């Protein structure tokens, strides 16, 4: 058929053939231009549709998948312990930007240690997205007990943070210059513009921010939250907001490449020796002073801790009865107590234990009993060289970031106190496939430890009782406990982000 068609095609003289070819070429170019115009129009139309879709849903972010499946519903690769020590893989390099009319700028000054600030950042991103605000990269705490001078970019991968959330909220590195320029007052004098600042009400719902905060932002154009700890409720929020809190925590907040690389090295060293437990031994000077827990301390140490508590005005509780708090289960267990508990739980003498903490109060003297029971105790300072840790010295937040990565990746995680790190790591391990986390019941343990000390329990009775108390406290799937009107007493969202988990 092709040959027949060619045979029927009339032969043209050379000039005519050339002219026809030119005409055919001109027609081809016109067809190409028409095709390119249609393609460009289609792309433009698709872009407009996507932006209109974003504008039709300005407040609530899109839903986010559960912790055990990816965006296509496939299981996440959470079997590798090394992978669990790091944040999930980065999203695609180009994330569609959410287009919305910003209602103003949100400045936030985080307070507390690494994990309190981490949770606060998740909350503030969620608030900014919900209120259609532009978020300025958060400022980290530099004035607390730790006095760490680190900025956000020193701890977290700021480019990843901004880019991975661009489809939810606009984040900028600094406030526009126009808000820092001096303005004229009524008398014509140049004065610095005052930014409206306040601490949001703790444990607030999204309605508080919509009804109380948004009108302030619209009036002042910029608002500064000078405290950010626990400023968003654990429960009762729309599920889209809860899932956004998870997305920020487990996807957007990646540590800097330097921190992640060193964390990976620590994890690899520990894994080469096999099974390892992370013990978050919260027995540092600041914790004991703040909590007033002095069980096992000398009289001189008790006086030192009390003086320190009175030296920090933002630590509100001053007069504390240590033994009463201990009996209520509100004190961290001592290294000596932890040694007995680990043995009662069945951990063998040759168990490799990584201690995740700052400097233990009392130093090696207080660790003697624990080290005698478990000789394979290690710390990051023992596994890394001084050169590797040089840039981390005097930067407690960086040090805590290394402990965080190792804690999430461990075979078993055991916190001696249910502070912010214990809770946030617990939640991350739930998200990573409900990895084993032993949540110590300190109220019951104190009773059992005292009975053992007084000779009222044999070792076997003590061990059996400890195991019985903790058989359902291993990080298994559970429903978050809700106590209306008493948010401090209910389960913390970041310890059990059930809305983001595949139960």
Protein backbone atom coordinates (compact mmCIF):
# COMPACT_ATOMS: atom_id res chain seq x y z
CA UNK A 1 0.00 0.00 0.00
CA UNK A 2 2.85 2.36 0.75
CA UNK A 3 4.52 1.56 -2.57
CA UNK A 4 1.24 2.15 -4.43
CA UNK A 5 0.85 5.54 -2.81
CA UNK A 6 4.35 6.50 -3.75
CA UNK A 7 3.68 5.39 -7.34
CA UNK A 8 0.58 7.57 -7.57
CA UNK A 9 2.42 10.68 -6.31
CA UNK A 10 2.97 13.04 -9.34
CA UNK A 11 6.54 13.88 -10.28
CA UNK A 12 7.38 17.62 -10.14
CA UNK A 13 10.15 19.52 -11.84
CA UNK A 14 13.12 20.39 -9.56
CA UNK A 15 11.98 24.02 -8.94
CA UNK A 16 8.42 23.05 -8.24
CA UNK A 17 9.62 20.28 -5.94
CA UNK A 18 11.75 22.71 -4.02
CA UNK A 19 8.84 25.16 -3.74
CA UNK A 20 6.51 22.45 -2.56
CA UNK A 21 9.06 21.33 0.03
CA UNK A 22 9.33 24.89 1.27
CA UNK A 23 5.57 25.18 1.46
CA UNK A 24 5.39 21.87 3.30
CA UNK A 25 8.08 23.10 5.70
CA UNK A 26 6.11 26.30 6.34
CA UNK A 27 3.01 24.25 7.04
CA UNK A 28 5.01 22.05 9.41
CA UNK A 29 6.26 25.06 11.34
CA UNK A 30 2.72 26.39 11.63
CA UNK A 31 1.59 23.02 12.98
CA UNK A 32 4.45 23.01 15.48
CA UNK A 33 3.53 26.51 16.68
CA UNK A 34 -0.11 25.47 17.02
CA UNK A 35 0.90 22.34 18.97
CA UNK A 36 3.20 24.35 21.28
CA UNK A 37 0.40 26.90 21.87
CA UNK A 38 -2.03 24.13 22.83
CA UNK A 39 0.54 22.55 25.16
CA UNK A 40 1.30 25.88 26.85
CA UNK A 41 -2.40 26.61 27.27
CA UNK A 42 -2.96 23.17 28.84
CA UNK A 43 -0.11 23.67 31.31
CA UNK A 44 -1.37 27.14 32.24
CA UNK A 45 -4.92 25.84 32.72
CA UNK A 46 -3.70 22.97 34.93
CA UNK A 47 -1.64 25.37 37.07
CA UNK A 48 -4.67 27.67 37.55
CA UNK A 49 -6.86 24.70 38.55
CA UNK A 50 -4.30 23.51 41.12
CA UNK A 51 -3.98 26.98 42.64
CA UNK A 52 -7.74 27.44 42.78
CA UNK A 53 -8.01 24.09 44.54
CA UNK A 54 -5.51 25.30 47.15
CA UNK A 55 -7.42 28.53 47.65
CA UNK A 56 -10.68 26.66 48.16
CA UNK A 57 -9.14 24.90 51.19
CA UNK A 58 -7.08 27.63 52.87
CA UNK A 59 -6.89 26.39 56.45
CA UNK A 60 -6.90 22.66 56.89
CA UNK A 61 -3.84 20.90 55.46
CA UNK A 62 -4.24 17.81 53.37
CA UNK A 63 -4.26 14.52 55.17
CA UNK A 64 -1.01 12.68 55.70
CA UNK A 65 -0.48 8.95 55.63
CA UNK A 66 -0.07 6.79 58.68
CA UNK A 67 3.32 5.86 60.05
CA UNK A 68 3.39 2.39 58.54
CA UNK A 69 2.55 3.23 54.93
CA UNK A 70 3.96 5.69 52.42
CA UNK A 71 2.00 8.16 50.30
CA UNK A 72 1.03 5.37 47.88
CA UNK A 73 -0.17 3.06 50.63
CA UNK A 74 2.93 0.87 50.52
CA UNK A 75 4.62 -0.27 53.75
CA UNK A 76 7.49 1.93 54.87
CA UNK A 77 10.95 0.36 55.11
CA UNK A 78 11.10 0.46 58.89
CA UNK A 79 12.84 -2.86 59.45
CA UNK A 80 16.31 -1.35 59.27
CA UNK A 81 17.37 -0.07 62.69
CA UNK A 82 19.71 2.37 61.01
CA UNK A 83 16.81 3.85 59.04
CA UNK A 84 14.86 4.32 62.28
CA UNK A 85 17.62 6.53 63.65
CA UNK A 86 16.92 9.05 60.93
CA UNK A 87 13.94 10.96 59.66
CA UNK A 88 11.95 9.45 56.74
CA UNK A 89 13.36 10.08 53.24
CA UNK A 90 13.13 13.60 51.87
CA UNK A 91 10.10 14.41 49.73
CA UNK A 92 10.58 15.16 46.02
CA UNK A 93 12.87 18.09 45.28
CA UNK A 94 9.97 20.14 43.89
CA UNK A 95 6.96 20.32 46.21
CA UNK A 96 3.91 22.17 44.89
CA UNK A 97 3.70 25.47 46.71
CA UNK A 98 0.47 26.26 48.48
CA UNK A 99 -0.82 29.63 47.30
CA UNK A 100 -2.79 31.70 49.78
CA UNK A 101 -3.18 35.28 50.91
CA UNK A 102 -1.18 35.56 54.10
CA UNK A 103 -2.94 37.10 57.09
CA UNK A 104 0.36 38.19 58.62
CA UNK A 105 3.66 36.96 60.02
CA UNK A 106 4.25 34.63 62.96
CA UNK A 107 7.45 34.88 65.00
CA UNK A 108 8.08 32.19 67.61
CA UNK A 109 10.68 31.92 70.36
CA UNK A 110 10.88 28.33 71.54
CA UNK A 111 11.64 27.58 75.19
CA UNK A 112 13.12 24.50 76.85
CA UNK A 113 15.36 21.69 75.68
CA UNK A 114 15.57 20.03 72.28
CA UNK A 115 12.48 17.86 72.52
CA UNK A 116 10.24 20.47 74.10
CA UNK A 117 11.26 22.82 71.29
CA UNK A 118 10.76 20.10 68.68
CA UNK A 119 7.15 19.54 69.73
CA UNK A 120 6.58 23.30 69.89
CA UNK A 121 7.84 23.78 66.33
CA UNK A 122 5.36 21.15 65.13
CA UNK A 123 2.56 23.01 66.91
CA UNK A 124 3.57 26.42 65.55
CA UNK A 125 3.75 25.17 61.95
CA UNK A 126 0.25 23.75 62.40
CA UNK A 127 -1.07 27.04 63.82
CA UNK A 128 0.53 29.06 61.01
CA UNK A 129 -0.96 26.79 58.36
CA UNK A 130 -4.40 26.85 59.97
CA UNK A 131 -4.49 30.65 60.23
CA UNK A 132 -2.95 31.26 56.78
CA UNK A 133 0.08 32.98 58.28
CA UNK A 134 3.65 33.25 57.05
CA UNK A 135 5.96 31.57 59.56
CA UNK A 136 9.43 32.91 60.23
CA UNK A 137 11.97 30.14 60.94
CA UNK A 138 11.64 29.57 64.71
CA UNK A 139 14.17 30.92 67.19
CA UNK A 140 15.63 28.35 69.60
CA UNK A 141 16.06 28.86 73.34
CA UNK A 142 19.43 30.39 74.27
CA UNK A 143 18.63 31.60 77.80
CA UNK A 144 17.67 28.44 79.68
CA UNK A 145 19.84 26.40 82.02
CA UNK A 146 21.80 24.89 79.12
CA UNK A 147 22.68 28.28 77.55
CA UNK A 148 23.15 26.69 74.13
CA UNK A 149 23.86 29.39 71.49
CA UNK A 150 22.69 27.18 68.60
CA UNK A 151 20.32 28.60 66.00
CA UNK A 152 17.69 26.61 64.13
CA UNK A 153 20.07 26.09 61.20
CA UNK A 154 22.68 24.61 63.56
CA UNK A 155 20.32 21.83 64.64
CA UNK A 156 17.84 21.26 61.83
CA UNK A 157 18.15 21.16 58.05
CA UNK A 158 16.52 24.50 57.39
CA UNK A 159 16.27 24.10 53.60
CA UNK A 160 14.51 20.76 53.97
CA UNK A 161 12.22 22.24 56.63
CA UNK A 162 11.10 25.09 54.37
CA UNK A 163 10.85 23.12 51.12
CA UNK A 164 9.16 20.00 52.48
CA UNK A 165 6.32 22.06 53.95
CA UNK A 166 5.84 24.49 51.07
CA UNK A 167 2.58 22.78 50.12
CA UNK A 168 1.19 23.53 53.59
CA UNK A 169 2.60 26.84 54.79
CA UNK A 170 4.95 29.58 53.65
CA UNK A 171 8.10 29.70 55.79
CA UNK A 172 10.71 32.45 55.48
CA UNK A 173 14.14 32.80 57.07
CA UNK A 174 13.66 36.28 58.50
CA UNK A 175 11.03 38.94 58.93
CA UNK A 176 10.89 41.45 56.04
CA UNK A 177 13.02 44.56 56.61
CA UNK A 178 10.02 46.87 56.56
CA UNK A 179 9.01 45.57 59.99
CA UNK A 180 12.39 46.36 61.52
CA UNK A 181 12.76 49.90 60.12
CA UNK A 182 12.23 52.83 62.43
CA UNK A 183 8.99 54.76 62.11
CA UNK A 184 7.98 58.28 63.08
CA UNK A 185 5.89 58.88 66.17
CA UNK A 186 3.39 61.72 66.60
CA UNK A 187 6.16 64.19 67.37
CA UNK A 188 8.17 63.14 64.34
CA UNK A 189 10.84 61.23 66.26
CA UNK A 190 12.13 57.99 64.78
CA UNK A 191 11.33 55.01 66.96
CA UNK A 192 11.66 51.27 66.47
CA UNK A 193 8.44 49.49 65.55
CA UNK A 194 7.11 47.43 68.45
CA UNK A 195 6.04 43.89 67.61
CA UNK A 196 3.01 42.58 69.47
CA UNK A 197 4.20 39.76 71.72
CA UNK A 198 2.36 37.31 73.97
CA UNK A 199 2.44 33.72 75.23
CA UNK A 200 -0.51 31.76 73.81
CA UNK A 201 -2.76 30.05 76.35
CA UNK A 202 -1.50 26.55 77.11
CA UNK A 203 -3.31 23.49 75.72
CA UNK A 204 -5.54 25.60 73.45
CA UNK A 205 -7.78 24.29 70.70
CA UNK A 206 -7.70 25.56 67.12
CA UNK A 207 -10.76 27.69 67.94
CA UNK A 208 -8.74 29.79 70.40
CA UNK A 209 -6.24 30.64 67.67
CA UNK A 210 -8.99 31.40 65.16
CA UNK A 211 -11.06 33.60 67.48
CA UNK A 212 -8.43 35.19 69.72
CA UNK A 213 -5.13 35.21 67.83
CA UNK A 214 -6.13 35.76 64.20
CA UNK A 215 -7.81 39.16 64.85
CA UNK A 216 -4.62 40.32 66.62
CA UNK A 217 -2.47 39.28 63.67
CA UNK A 218 -4.74 41.04 61.20
CA UNK A 219 -4.54 44.19 63.27
CA UNK A 220 -0.77 44.19 63.88
CA UNK A 221 0.42 42.26 60.78
CA UNK A 222 3.07 40.55 62.93
CA UNK A 223 2.70 38.57 66.14
CA UNK A 224 5.41 37.09 68.34
CA UNK A 225 4.81 34.04 70.54
CA UNK A 226 7.38 34.34 73.34
CA UNK A 227 6.52 30.91 74.77
CA UNK A 228 5.60 27.84 72.78
CA UNK A 229 5.62 24.83 75.12
CA UNK A 230 2.35 22.88 75.17
CA UNK A 231 0.35 25.64 73.48
CA UNK A 232 -1.82 23.29 71.42
CA UNK A 233 -4.26 20.75 72.83
CA UNK A 234 -3.54 17.03 72.87
CA UNK A 235 -7.05 16.10 71.80
CA UNK A 236 -10.15 17.45 70.08
CA UNK A 237 -8.37 18.98 67.07
CA UNK A 238 -9.43 18.20 63.48
CA UNK A 239 -7.62 15.10 62.28
CA UNK A 240 -5.98 17.07 59.45
CA UNK A 241 -4.24 19.26 62.01
CA UNK A 242 -3.12 16.25 64.05
CA UNK A 243 -1.65 14.66 60.95
CA UNK A 244 0.16 17.85 60.06
CA UNK A 245 1.79 17.85 63.51
CA UNK A 246 3.06 14.36 62.69
CA UNK A 247 4.24 15.35 59.25
CA UNK A 248 6.33 18.17 60.67
CA UNK A 249 7.76 15.94 63.40
CA UNK A 250 8.61 12.86 61.37
CA UNK A 251 9.26 14.29 57.92
CA UNK A 252 10.12 17.98 57.98
CA UNK A 253 12.31 18.18 61.10
CA UNK A 254 15.49 16.50 59.92
CA UNK A 255 18.73 17.25 61.72
CA UNK A 256 21.63 18.84 59.87
CA UNK A 257 23.74 16.51 57.68
CA UNK A 258 26.59 16.78 60.20
CA UNK A 259 24.40 15.64 63.11
CA UNK A 260 22.73 12.86 61.11
CA UNK A 261 26.08 11.56 59.83
CA UNK A 262 27.52 11.37 63.33
CA UNK A 263 24.30 9.82 64.63
CA UNK A 264 24.50 7.17 61.91
CA UNK A 265 28.08 6.40 62.92
CA UNK A 266 27.05 5.91 66.55
CA UNK A 267 24.22 3.60 65.52
CA UNK A 268 26.51 1.58 63.24
CA UNK A 269 29.11 1.14 66.01
CA UNK A 270 26.44 -0.08 68.42
CA UNK A 271 24.83 -2.40 65.86
CA UNK A 272 28.16 -4.08 65.10
CA UNK A 273 28.16 -5.31 68.69
CA UNK A 274 24.63 -6.65 68.31
CA UNK A 275 21.54 -5.98 70.43
CA UNK A 276 21.63 -2.69 72.34
CA UNK A 277 19.45 -0.89 74.86
CA UNK A 278 19.25 2.88 75.27
CA UNK A 279 18.80 4.01 78.85
CA UNK A 280 17.68 7.62 79.11
CA UNK A 281 19.15 8.19 82.54
CA UNK A 282 17.67 11.54 83.49
CA UNK A 283 19.90 12.09 86.51
CA UNK A 284 21.50 15.42 85.61
CA UNK A 285 21.89 18.35 87.96
CA UNK A 286 19.20 20.51 86.33
CA UNK A 287 16.56 17.77 86.55
CA UNK A 288 17.26 17.00 90.19
CA UNK A 289 17.25 20.67 91.12
CA UNK A 290 14.09 21.48 89.15
CA UNK A 291 12.16 18.46 90.45
CA UNK A 292 13.51 18.68 94.01
CA UNK A 293 14.29 14.96 93.89
CA UNK A 294 17.27 14.34 96.17
CA UNK A 295 16.84 10.68 97.14
CA UNK A 296 20.29 9.16 97.53
CA UNK A 297 22.06 12.55 97.60
CA UNK A 298 24.26 13.76 100.44
CA UNK A 299 23.25 16.72 102.62
CA UNK A 300 25.74 18.93 100.80
CA UNK A 301 24.40 17.86 97.39
CA UNK A 302 20.84 18.53 98.57
CA UNK A 303 21.81 22.07 99.61
CA UNK A 304 23.54 22.65 96.27
CA UNK A 305 20.48 21.52 94.33
CA UNK A 306 18.18 23.68 96.45
CA UNK A 307 20.35 26.77 95.92
CA UNK A 308 20.25 26.19 92.20
CA UNK A 309 16.44 25.89 92.20
CA UNK A 310 16.07 29.26 93.91
CA UNK A 311 18.55 30.83 91.48
CA UNK A 312 16.23 30.28 88.51
CA UNK A 313 13.11 32.46 88.88
CA UNK A 314 11.21 30.72 86.05
CA UNK A 315 11.29 27.46 88.04
CA UNK A 316 8.12 28.23 89.95
CA UNK A 317 8.06 25.40 92.49
CA UNK A 318 10.58 26.11 95.29
CA UNK A 319 9.53 24.30 98.46
CA UNK A 320 9.55 20.60 97.59
CA UNK A 321 9.37 17.51 99.82
CA UNK A 322 11.59 15.07 97.96
CA UNK A 323 10.39 11.81 99.52
CA UNK A 324 6.74 12.69 98.97
CA UNK A 325 7.37 13.29 95.27
CA UNK A 326 9.33 10.06 95.04
CA UNK A 327 6.47 8.04 96.55
CA UNK A 328 4.09 9.64 94.05
CA UNK A 329 6.32 8.42 91.20
CA UNK A 330 7.33 11.94 90.18
CA UNK A 331 11.10 11.55 90.55
CA UNK A 332 13.63 10.02 88.17
CA UNK A 333 14.98 6.70 89.38
CA UNK A 334 18.55 6.82 90.70
CA UNK A 335 21.31 4.89 88.87
CA UNK A 336 21.34 2.38 91.75
CA UNK A 337 17.57 1.85 91.46
CA UNK A 338 17.76 1.50 87.67
CA UNK A 339 20.42 -1.20 88.07
CA UNK A 340 18.04 -3.30 90.17
CA UNK A 341 15.09 -2.70 87.84
CA UNK A 342 17.03 -3.76 84.73
CA UNK A 343 18.13 -6.97 86.43
CA UNK A 344 14.56 -7.66 87.57
CA UNK A 345 13.30 -7.16 84.01
CA UNK A 346 15.67 -9.89 82.86
CA UNK A 347 18.44 -7.97 81.11
CA UNK A 348 21.61 -10.06 81.23
CA UNK A 349 24.95 -8.82 82.51
CA UNK A 350 26.44 -8.75 78.99
CA UNK A 351 23.69 -6.44 77.63
CA UNK A 352 25.10 -3.48 75.72
CA UNK A 353 23.62 -0.29 77.25
CA UNK A 354 23.99 3.16 75.74
CA UNK A 355 23.36 5.95 78.26
CA UNK A 356 21.56 8.88 76.64
CA UNK A 357 21.98 11.86 78.93
CA UNK A 358 24.08 14.82 79.86
CA UNK A 359 26.55 14.74 82.71
CA UNK A 360 25.33 12.46 85.49
CA UNK A 361 25.15 14.26 88.84
CA UNK A 362 27.82 12.74 91.03
CA UNK A 363 29.75 11.41 88.03
CA UNK A 364 31.27 7.94 88.01
CA UNK A 365 30.62 7.54 91.73
CA UNK A 366 26.87 7.45 91.11
CA UNK A 367 27.30 5.12 88.12
CA UNK A 368 29.39 2.58 90.04
CA UNK A 369 26.53 0.19 90.94
CA UNK A 370 25.07 0.34 87.44
CA UNK A 371 28.44 -0.24 85.79
CA UNK A 372 29.20 -3.14 88.14
CA UNK A 373 25.97 -4.85 87.08
CA UNK A 374 26.39 -3.98 83.39
CA UNK A 375 30.04 -3.60 82.35
CA UNK A 376 29.13 -2.93 78.69
CA UNK A 377 27.82 0.56 79.42
CA UNK A 378 28.81 3.13 76.79
CA UNK A 379 28.24 6.80 76.09
CA UNK A 380 28.76 8.83 72.94
CA UNK A 381 31.97 10.26 74.42
CA UNK A 382 33.35 6.70 74.59
CA UNK A 383 32.42 5.78 71.00
CA UNK A 384 33.43 8.96 69.16
CA UNK A 385 36.77 10.75 69.04
CA UNK A 386 37.34 14.17 70.63
CA UNK A 387 37.78 15.61 67.13
CA UNK A 388 34.38 14.29 66.05
CA UNK A 389 32.72 15.83 69.09
CA UNK A 390 34.65 19.10 69.14
CA UNK A 391 31.96 21.16 67.40
CA UNK A 392 29.36 19.60 69.73
CA UNK A 393 31.06 20.61 72.97
CA UNK A 394 29.14 23.24 74.98
CA UNK A 395 26.19 22.71 72.63
CA UNK A 396 23.80 20.60 74.67
CA UNK A 397 21.11 20.70 71.98
CA UNK A 398 23.46 19.13 69.44
CA UNK A 399 24.45 16.48 71.97
CA UNK A 400 20.78 15.78 72.68
CA UNK A 401 20.16 15.40 68.94
CA UNK A 402 22.72 12.57 68.79
CA UNK A 403 21.05 10.85 71.74
CA UNK A 404 17.67 11.27 70.05
CA UNK A 405 18.81 9.51 66.88
CA UNK A 406 20.35 6.60 68.81
CA UNK A 407 17.29 6.33 71.07
CA UNK A 408 14.87 6.05 68.15
CA UNK A 409 17.06 3.40 66.51
CA UNK A 410 17.69 1.22 69.58
CA UNK A 411 16.35 -2.30 70.07
CA UNK A 412 14.87 -1.24 73.43
CA UNK A 413 14.41 2.25 74.85
CA UNK A 414 14.02 2.74 78.63
CA UNK A 415 13.55 6.22 80.11
CA UNK A 416 14.12 6.64 83.85
CA UNK A 417 11.89 9.74 83.89
CA UNK A 418 8.90 10.66 81.73
CA UNK A 419 10.15 14.05 80.57
CA UNK A 420 9.99 15.57 77.11
CA UNK A 421 12.65 13.39 75.52
CA UNK A 422 11.10 10.21 76.90
CA UNK A 423 7.69 11.16 75.52
CA UNK A 424 8.79 12.39 72.10
CA UNK A 425 11.07 9.39 71.52
CA UNK A 426 8.27 7.06 72.64
CA UNK A 427 5.97 8.57 70.02
CA UNK A 428 8.63 8.37 67.30
CA UNK A 429 9.21 4.69 68.10
CA UNK A 430 5.46 4.03 67.93
CA UNK A 431 5.42 5.75 64.54
CA UNK A 432 8.38 3.58 63.43
CA UNK A 433 6.45 0.37 63.96
CA UNK A 434 5.78 0.19 67.71
CA UNK A 435 9.37 -0.58 68.65
CA UNK A 436 9.87 -1.77 72.22
CA UNK A 437 9.80 1.05 74.76
CA UNK A 438 9.61 0.10 78.44
CA UNK A 439 7.60 2.74 80.28
CA UNK A 440 8.58 2.42 83.91
CA UNK A 441 5.82 2.70 86.49
CA UNK A 442 7.82 4.66 89.04
CA UNK A 443 5.09 4.78 91.67
CA UNK A 444 4.91 0.98 91.81
CA UNK A 445 8.66 0.56 91.44
CA UNK A 446 9.42 2.81 94.41
CA UNK A 447 7.13 0.66 96.59
CA UNK A 448 8.79 -2.54 95.39
CA UNK A 449 12.32 -1.15 95.74
CA UNK A 450 11.65 -0.07 99.32
CA UNK A 451 10.16 -3.48 100.18
CA UNK A 452 13.23 -5.18 98.71
CA UNK A 453 15.56 -2.87 100.64
CA UNK A 454 13.69 -3.56 103.90
CA UNK A 455 13.93 -7.32 103.35
CA UNK A 456 10.18 -7.73 102.96
CA UNK A 457 10.52 -9.15 99.45
CA UNK A 458 12.90 -11.83 98.20
CA UNK A 459 14.74 -11.19 94.92
CA UNK A 460 12.48 -13.60 93.03
CA UNK A 461 9.36 -11.94 94.44
CA UNK A 462 10.72 -8.53 93.50
CA UNK A 463 11.67 -9.62 89.97
CA UNK A 464 8.32 -11.31 89.34
CA UNK A 465 6.44 -8.26 90.60
CA UNK A 466 8.47 -5.87 88.40
CA UNK A 467 7.82 -7.97 85.30
CA UNK A 468 4.11 -8.25 86.10
CA UNK A 469 3.77 -4.47 86.51
CA UNK A 470 5.39 -3.81 83.13
CA UNK A 471 3.98 -6.55 80.92
CA UNK A 472 1.57 -4.06 79.31
CA UNK A 473 3.96 -1.10 79.36
CA UNK A 474 6.17 -2.04 76.41
CA UNK A 475 5.05 0.53 73.85
CA UNK A 476 2.22 -1.58 72.45
CA UNK A 477 -0.59 0.06 70.45
CA UNK A 478 -2.91 1.93 72.80
CA UNK A 479 -5.59 4.61 72.79
CA UNK A 480 -4.47 7.96 74.18
CA UNK A 481 -5.98 8.69 77.59
CA UNK A 482 -8.16 11.81 77.58
CA UNK A 483 -8.97 13.73 80.78
CA UNK A 484 -11.21 16.72 79.97
CA UNK A 485 -10.08 19.89 81.76
CA UNK A 486 -6.82 18.32 82.98
CA UNK A 487 -4.50 18.22 79.95
CA UNK A 488 -1.32 17.86 82.04
CA UNK A 489 -2.59 14.57 83.42
CA UNK A 490 -3.72 13.01 80.16
CA UNK A 491 -1.51 11.28 77.60
CA UNK A 492 0.72 13.63 75.61
CA UNK A 493 -0.03 13.80 71.89
CA UNK A 494 3.61 13.37 70.87
CA UNK A 495 3.99 10.28 73.06
CA UNK A 496 1.15 8.52 71.26
CA UNK A 497 0.14 10.25 68.01
CA UNK A 498 -2.57 7.69 67.34
CA UNK A 499 -4.13 9.66 64.47
CA UNK A 500 -0.95 9.01 62.48
CA UNK A 501 -0.46 5.34 63.36
CA UNK A 502 -1.72 2.16 61.71
CA UNK A 503 -3.42 0.44 64.63
